[in-house]
């Protein structure tokens, strides 16, 4: 079976807070021929692990790496790597994914009201602009 997973499947498998659902999720992830993991799903996954479950960045990065390194997982690996780089640097995974995908789509400058995201991405060599400042 080839499946596209929802965030809740990944969360159940990772945190095992509902044993019955966790076992079903793990079985599905193990037995699927292909697991398509959209970037939005990974952004939600990281957000849930960080904000709701209060996991450490290193634990979240390890969970994402374990998932995307599985033989049966299809994901935009370059975008995931960009997200992980920003996460590990103290920012939000989603900001790294957004900046990467935006550049891939032809955007030349990452713009935001988020000072931390702009500063972090600028420090990583990305062209950035903070909206609302002279």
N, C-alpha and C. Protein backbone atom coordinates (compact mmCIF):
# COMPACT_ATOMS: atom_id res chain seq x y z
N UNK A 1 0.83 -1.17 0.00
CA UNK A 1 0.00 0.00 0.00
C UNK A 1 0.88 1.25 0.00
N UNK A 2 0.48 2.23 -0.78
CA UNK A 2 1.15 3.53 -0.82
C UNK A 2 0.24 4.54 -0.14
N UNK A 3 0.77 5.21 0.89
CA UNK A 3 -0.08 6.08 1.70
C UNK A 3 0.52 7.48 1.84
N UNK A 4 -0.35 8.43 2.09
CA UNK A 4 0.04 9.77 2.53
C UNK A 4 -0.39 9.87 3.98
N UNK A 5 0.55 10.15 4.85
CA UNK A 5 0.22 10.18 6.29
C UNK A 5 -0.23 11.55 6.74
N UNK A 6 -1.13 11.53 7.71
CA UNK A 6 -1.54 12.74 8.40
C UNK A 6 -0.61 12.91 9.60
N UNK A 7 -0.52 14.11 10.09
CA UNK A 7 0.35 14.42 11.22
C UNK A 7 0.07 13.54 12.42
N UNK A 8 -1.21 13.27 12.70
CA UNK A 8 -1.54 12.50 13.90
C UNK A 8 -0.97 11.09 13.87
N UNK A 9 -0.79 10.52 12.69
CA UNK A 9 -0.18 9.19 12.58
C UNK A 9 1.28 9.26 13.03
N UNK A 10 1.98 10.28 12.58
CA UNK A 10 3.39 10.44 12.96
C UNK A 10 3.54 10.72 14.45
N UNK A 11 2.66 11.58 14.96
CA UNK A 11 2.72 11.91 16.39
C UNK A 11 2.48 10.67 17.24
N UNK A 12 1.44 9.89 16.91
CA UNK A 12 1.15 8.67 17.69
C UNK A 12 2.35 7.74 17.69
N UNK A 13 2.96 7.55 16.52
CA UNK A 13 4.12 6.65 16.43
C UNK A 13 5.31 7.17 17.22
N UNK A 14 5.48 8.48 17.24
CA UNK A 14 6.65 9.08 17.90
C UNK A 14 6.51 9.15 19.41
N UNK A 15 5.34 9.57 19.90
CA UNK A 15 5.21 9.80 21.34
C UNK A 15 4.51 8.68 22.09
N UNK A 16 3.80 7.84 21.36
CA UNK A 16 3.14 6.66 21.95
C UNK A 16 2.26 7.03 23.15
N UNK A 17 1.54 8.13 23.04
CA UNK A 17 0.67 8.56 24.13
C UNK A 17 -0.68 7.85 24.14
N UNK A 18 -0.97 7.14 23.08
CA UNK A 18 -2.15 6.29 22.99
C UNK A 18 -1.63 4.97 22.42
N UNK A 19 -1.48 3.98 23.29
CA UNK A 19 -0.79 2.73 22.90
C UNK A 19 -1.47 2.05 21.73
N UNK A 20 -2.78 1.96 21.74
CA UNK A 20 -3.49 1.28 20.65
C UNK A 20 -3.24 1.99 19.32
N UNK A 21 -3.39 3.32 19.31
CA UNK A 21 -3.14 4.07 18.08
C UNK A 21 -1.67 4.04 17.70
N UNK A 22 -0.79 4.09 18.68
CA UNK A 22 0.64 4.04 18.41
C UNK A 22 1.02 2.73 17.73
N UNK A 23 0.46 1.63 18.20
CA UNK A 23 0.75 0.33 17.59
C UNK A 23 0.24 0.27 16.16
N UNK A 24 -0.95 0.81 15.92
CA UNK A 24 -1.50 0.84 14.56
C UNK A 24 -0.65 1.72 13.65
N UNK A 25 -0.24 2.88 14.16
CA UNK A 25 0.60 3.79 13.37
C UNK A 25 1.94 3.15 13.04
N UNK A 26 2.57 2.53 14.02
CA UNK A 26 3.87 1.89 13.80
C UNK A 26 3.75 0.76 12.78
N UNK A 27 2.69 -0.02 12.87
CA UNK A 27 2.47 -1.12 11.92
C UNK A 27 2.31 -0.57 10.51
N UNK A 28 1.51 0.48 10.36
CA UNK A 28 1.32 1.10 9.06
C UNK A 28 2.64 1.62 8.50
N UNK A 29 3.39 2.35 9.31
CA UNK A 29 4.66 2.92 8.87
C UNK A 29 5.68 1.85 8.50
N UNK A 30 5.62 0.75 9.19
CA UNK A 30 6.55 -0.36 8.94
C UNK A 30 6.18 -1.12 7.66
N UNK A 31 4.87 -1.31 7.43
CA UNK A 31 4.43 -2.19 6.36
C UNK A 31 4.09 -1.50 5.05
N UNK A 32 3.93 -0.21 5.03
CA UNK A 32 3.57 0.50 3.80
C UNK A 32 4.70 0.39 2.78
N UNK A 33 4.31 0.23 1.53
CA UNK A 33 5.31 0.21 0.45
C UNK A 33 5.91 1.60 0.27
N UNK A 34 5.08 2.60 0.43
CA UNK A 34 5.52 3.98 0.28
C UNK A 34 4.74 4.84 1.26
N UNK A 35 5.47 5.72 1.95
CA UNK A 35 4.85 6.68 2.86
C UNK A 35 5.20 8.07 2.32
N UNK A 36 4.20 8.75 1.77
CA UNK A 36 4.40 10.11 1.29
C UNK A 36 4.19 11.06 2.47
N UNK A 37 5.20 11.87 2.74
CA UNK A 37 5.13 12.80 3.87
C UNK A 37 5.22 14.23 3.33
N UNK A 38 4.06 14.90 3.22
CA UNK A 38 4.07 16.29 2.74
C UNK A 38 4.81 17.20 3.72
N UNK A 39 5.37 18.28 3.19
CA UNK A 39 6.09 19.23 4.03
C UNK A 39 5.19 19.83 5.09
N UNK A 40 3.93 20.09 4.76
CA UNK A 40 3.01 20.65 5.76
C UNK A 40 2.84 19.69 6.92
N UNK A 41 2.83 18.41 6.64
CA UNK A 41 2.71 17.40 7.69
C UNK A 41 3.93 17.46 8.62
N UNK A 42 5.11 17.57 8.05
CA UNK A 42 6.32 17.65 8.88
C UNK A 42 6.36 18.95 9.68
N UNK A 43 5.90 20.04 9.09
CA UNK A 43 5.86 21.30 9.85
C UNK A 43 4.93 21.17 11.05
N UNK A 44 3.76 20.57 10.84
CA UNK A 44 2.84 20.34 11.96
C UNK A 44 3.45 19.38 12.98
N UNK A 45 4.09 18.32 12.51
CA UNK A 45 4.71 17.33 13.38
C UNK A 45 5.72 17.98 14.32
N UNK A 46 6.60 18.78 13.76
CA UNK A 46 7.62 19.47 14.57
C UNK A 46 6.95 20.43 15.54
N UNK A 47 5.96 21.18 15.08
CA UNK A 47 5.27 22.12 15.95
C UNK A 47 4.61 21.40 17.12
N UNK A 48 3.92 20.30 16.86
CA UNK A 48 3.25 19.54 17.92
C UNK A 48 4.26 18.99 18.93
N UNK A 49 5.36 18.42 18.43
CA UNK A 49 6.37 17.86 19.34
C UNK A 49 7.01 18.95 20.19
N UNK A 50 7.21 20.12 19.59
CA UNK A 50 7.88 21.21 20.30
C UNK A 50 6.95 21.94 21.26
N UNK A 51 5.78 22.31 20.78
CA UNK A 51 4.87 23.15 21.57
C UNK A 51 3.99 22.36 22.53
N UNK A 52 3.43 21.26 22.07
CA UNK A 52 2.50 20.51 22.92
C UNK A 52 3.22 19.50 23.82
N UNK A 53 4.20 18.80 23.26
CA UNK A 53 4.89 17.76 24.03
C UNK A 53 6.18 18.26 24.66
N UNK A 54 6.60 19.48 24.32
CA UNK A 54 7.77 20.14 24.93
C UNK A 54 9.05 19.31 24.80
N UNK A 55 9.22 18.63 23.66
CA UNK A 55 10.42 17.84 23.44
C UNK A 55 11.59 18.76 23.11
N UNK A 56 12.79 18.31 23.42
CA UNK A 56 14.01 19.04 23.09
C UNK A 56 14.22 19.05 21.58
N UNK A 57 14.86 20.09 21.10
CA UNK A 57 15.15 20.22 19.67
C UNK A 57 15.92 19.00 19.17
N UNK A 58 16.87 18.53 19.95
CA UNK A 58 17.67 17.37 19.50
C UNK A 58 16.80 16.12 19.35
N UNK A 59 15.83 15.94 20.24
CA UNK A 59 14.93 14.79 20.14
C UNK A 59 14.01 14.93 18.92
N UNK A 60 13.56 16.14 18.66
CA UNK A 60 12.70 16.38 17.50
C UNK A 60 13.49 16.14 16.21
N UNK A 61 14.70 16.68 16.16
CA UNK A 61 15.53 16.49 14.97
C UNK A 61 15.81 15.01 14.74
N UNK A 62 16.04 14.27 15.81
CA UNK A 62 16.27 12.82 15.68
C UNK A 62 15.03 12.10 15.16
N UNK A 63 13.86 12.51 15.64
CA UNK A 63 12.61 11.89 15.18
C UNK A 63 12.38 12.17 13.70
N UNK A 64 12.62 13.40 13.28
CA UNK A 64 12.45 13.75 11.87
C UNK A 64 13.46 12.99 11.02
N UNK A 65 14.71 12.94 11.46
CA UNK A 65 15.74 12.23 10.71
C UNK A 65 15.42 10.75 10.58
N UNK A 66 14.96 10.14 11.66
CA UNK A 66 14.61 8.71 11.61
C UNK A 66 13.49 8.48 10.61
N UNK A 67 12.53 9.36 10.60
CA UNK A 67 11.41 9.21 9.66
C UNK A 67 11.88 9.36 8.21
N UNK A 68 12.55 10.45 7.90
CA UNK A 68 12.90 10.71 6.50
C UNK A 68 14.00 9.78 5.98
N UNK A 69 14.72 9.12 6.87
CA UNK A 69 15.74 8.17 6.44
C UNK A 69 15.21 6.76 6.22
N UNK A 70 13.94 6.53 6.54
CA UNK A 70 13.35 5.22 6.32
C UNK A 70 13.28 4.94 4.82
N UNK A 71 13.53 3.70 4.43
CA UNK A 71 13.57 3.32 3.02
C UNK A 71 12.26 3.58 2.29
N UNK A 72 11.14 3.50 2.98
CA UNK A 72 9.85 3.60 2.31
C UNK A 72 9.24 5.00 2.38
N UNK A 73 10.01 6.00 2.79
CA UNK A 73 9.49 7.36 2.94
C UNK A 73 9.89 8.22 1.74
N UNK A 74 8.89 8.92 1.20
CA UNK A 74 9.11 9.89 0.13
C UNK A 74 8.85 11.28 0.70
N UNK A 75 9.85 12.15 0.58
CA UNK A 75 9.76 13.49 1.15
C UNK A 75 10.71 14.40 0.37
N UNK A 76 10.44 15.69 0.40
CA UNK A 76 11.36 16.65 -0.20
C UNK A 76 12.53 16.81 0.76
N UNK A 77 13.55 16.01 0.55
CA UNK A 77 14.66 15.92 1.49
C UNK A 77 15.41 17.23 1.64
N UNK A 78 15.60 17.95 0.55
CA UNK A 78 16.33 19.22 0.63
C UNK A 78 15.57 20.23 1.49
N UNK A 79 14.25 20.26 1.37
CA UNK A 79 13.45 21.17 2.19
C UNK A 79 13.50 20.76 3.66
N UNK A 80 13.47 19.45 3.91
CA UNK A 80 13.56 18.95 5.29
C UNK A 80 14.91 19.33 5.90
N UNK A 81 15.97 19.16 5.13
CA UNK A 81 17.30 19.53 5.62
C UNK A 81 17.38 21.02 5.95
N UNK A 82 16.75 21.86 5.12
CA UNK A 82 16.72 23.30 5.37
C UNK A 82 15.95 23.60 6.66
N UNK A 83 14.84 22.91 6.85
CA UNK A 83 14.05 23.09 8.08
C UNK A 83 14.82 22.65 9.31
N UNK A 84 15.49 21.52 9.21
CA UNK A 84 16.28 21.02 10.34
C UNK A 84 17.44 21.96 10.67
N UNK A 85 18.05 22.54 9.66
CA UNK A 85 19.16 23.48 9.90
C UNK A 85 18.68 24.68 10.70
N UNK A 86 17.52 25.21 10.35
CA UNK A 86 16.98 26.37 11.07
C UNK A 86 16.55 25.95 12.48
N UNK A 87 15.91 24.79 12.60
CA UNK A 87 15.50 24.29 13.91
C UNK A 87 16.71 24.15 14.84
N UNK A 88 17.76 23.53 14.35
CA UNK A 88 18.96 23.31 15.16
C UNK A 88 19.67 24.62 15.50
N UNK A 89 19.45 25.66 14.69
CA UNK A 89 20.06 26.96 14.95
C UNK A 89 19.22 27.81 15.91
N UNK A 90 18.09 27.25 16.37
CA UNK A 90 17.27 27.95 17.34
C UNK A 90 15.99 28.55 16.79
N UNK A 91 15.71 28.31 15.51
CA UNK A 91 14.51 28.87 14.90
C UNK A 91 13.42 27.83 14.73
N UNK A 92 12.47 28.17 13.89
CA UNK A 92 11.35 27.28 13.61
C UNK A 92 11.61 26.47 12.35
N UNK A 93 11.37 25.17 12.45
CA UNK A 93 11.49 24.26 11.31
C UNK A 93 10.74 24.81 10.10
N UNK A 94 9.51 25.26 10.32
CA UNK A 94 8.68 25.74 9.21
C UNK A 94 9.32 26.92 8.49
N UNK A 95 10.00 27.81 9.21
CA UNK A 95 10.64 28.95 8.55
C UNK A 95 11.72 28.48 7.58
N UNK A 96 12.47 27.46 7.96
CA UNK A 96 13.48 26.91 7.06
C UNK A 96 12.87 26.29 5.82
N UNK A 97 11.78 25.57 6.02
CA UNK A 97 11.07 24.95 4.90
C UNK A 97 10.49 26.02 3.98
N UNK A 98 9.87 27.04 4.57
CA UNK A 98 9.27 28.12 3.79
C UNK A 98 10.34 28.85 2.98
N UNK A 99 11.45 29.18 3.60
CA UNK A 99 12.53 29.88 2.89
C UNK A 99 13.08 29.03 1.75
N UNK A 100 13.27 27.75 2.01
CA UNK A 100 13.79 26.86 0.97
C UNK A 100 12.82 26.75 -0.20
N UNK A 101 11.55 26.45 0.12
CA UNK A 101 10.58 26.26 -0.95
C UNK A 101 10.34 27.55 -1.71
N UNK A 102 10.34 28.67 -1.00
CA UNK A 102 10.19 29.96 -1.67
C UNK A 102 11.30 30.22 -2.67
N UNK A 103 12.53 29.92 -2.28
CA UNK A 103 13.66 30.09 -3.19
C UNK A 103 13.53 29.15 -4.38
N UNK A 104 13.10 27.92 -4.13
CA UNK A 104 12.90 26.94 -5.19
C UNK A 104 11.86 27.42 -6.19
N UNK A 105 10.84 28.13 -5.69
CA UNK A 105 9.77 28.64 -6.53
C UNK A 105 10.15 29.94 -7.25
N UNK A 106 11.32 30.48 -6.93
CA UNK A 106 11.79 31.69 -7.61
C UNK A 106 11.91 32.92 -6.75
N UNK A 107 11.50 32.83 -5.50
CA UNK A 107 11.64 33.98 -4.60
C UNK A 107 13.11 34.26 -4.31
N UNK A 108 13.46 35.51 -4.30
CA UNK A 108 14.85 35.88 -4.06
C UNK A 108 15.12 36.34 -2.64
N UNK A 109 14.08 36.80 -1.94
CA UNK A 109 14.25 37.35 -0.60
C UNK A 109 13.15 36.81 0.31
N UNK A 110 13.54 36.28 1.45
CA UNK A 110 12.59 35.85 2.48
C UNK A 110 12.16 37.09 3.24
N UNK A 111 10.86 37.37 3.26
CA UNK A 111 10.35 38.54 3.98
C UNK A 111 9.40 38.11 5.07
N UNK A 112 9.46 38.81 6.20
CA UNK A 112 8.63 38.44 7.34
C UNK A 112 8.56 39.59 8.33
N UNK A 113 7.57 39.53 9.20
CA UNK A 113 7.49 40.41 10.36
C UNK A 113 8.26 39.81 11.54
N UNK A 114 8.67 38.56 11.42
CA UNK A 114 9.33 37.80 12.49
C UNK A 114 10.82 38.14 12.52
N UNK A 115 11.20 38.98 13.49
CA UNK A 115 12.60 39.43 13.59
C UNK A 115 13.57 38.26 13.75
N UNK A 116 13.20 37.30 14.59
CA UNK A 116 14.10 36.18 14.84
C UNK A 116 14.32 35.35 13.57
N UNK A 117 13.25 35.08 12.85
CA UNK A 117 13.37 34.29 11.62
C UNK A 117 14.24 35.01 10.60
N UNK A 118 14.01 36.31 10.43
CA UNK A 118 14.78 37.09 9.47
C UNK A 118 16.26 37.11 9.86
N UNK A 119 16.55 37.36 11.12
CA UNK A 119 17.94 37.41 11.58
C UNK A 119 18.63 36.06 11.42
N UNK A 120 17.94 35.00 11.79
CA UNK A 120 18.52 33.67 11.72
C UNK A 120 18.81 33.27 10.28
N UNK A 121 17.83 33.47 9.40
CA UNK A 121 18.02 33.11 7.99
C UNK A 121 19.08 33.99 7.34
N UNK A 122 19.13 35.26 7.71
CA UNK A 122 20.17 36.14 7.18
C UNK A 122 21.55 35.64 7.60
N UNK A 123 21.66 35.22 8.86
CA UNK A 123 22.92 34.67 9.35
C UNK A 123 23.32 33.38 8.67
N UNK A 124 22.35 32.72 8.06
CA UNK A 124 22.61 31.47 7.33
C UNK A 124 22.86 31.72 5.85
N UNK A 125 22.94 33.01 5.47
CA UNK A 125 23.27 33.35 4.09
C UNK A 125 22.08 33.59 3.18
N UNK A 126 20.89 33.59 3.72
CA UNK A 126 19.67 33.81 2.93
C UNK A 126 19.42 35.32 2.80
N UNK A 127 19.00 35.75 1.62
CA UNK A 127 18.58 37.15 1.47
C UNK A 127 17.27 37.32 2.21
N UNK A 128 17.21 38.31 3.08
CA UNK A 128 16.02 38.50 3.92
C UNK A 128 15.65 39.98 4.00
N UNK A 129 14.40 40.22 4.40
CA UNK A 129 13.96 41.59 4.67
C UNK A 129 12.92 41.54 5.77
N UNK A 130 13.08 42.40 6.72
CA UNK A 130 12.12 42.53 7.81
C UNK A 130 11.10 43.59 7.38
N UNK A 131 9.85 43.20 7.32
CA UNK A 131 8.80 44.12 6.89
C UNK A 131 8.49 45.09 8.04
N UNK A 132 8.25 46.34 7.68
CA UNK A 132 7.83 47.32 8.66
C UNK A 132 8.97 48.04 9.33
N UNK A 133 10.18 47.88 8.81
CA UNK A 133 11.32 48.62 9.38
C UNK A 133 11.94 49.46 8.26
N UNK A 134 12.48 50.60 8.63
CA UNK A 134 13.10 51.48 7.60
C UNK A 134 14.36 50.87 7.04
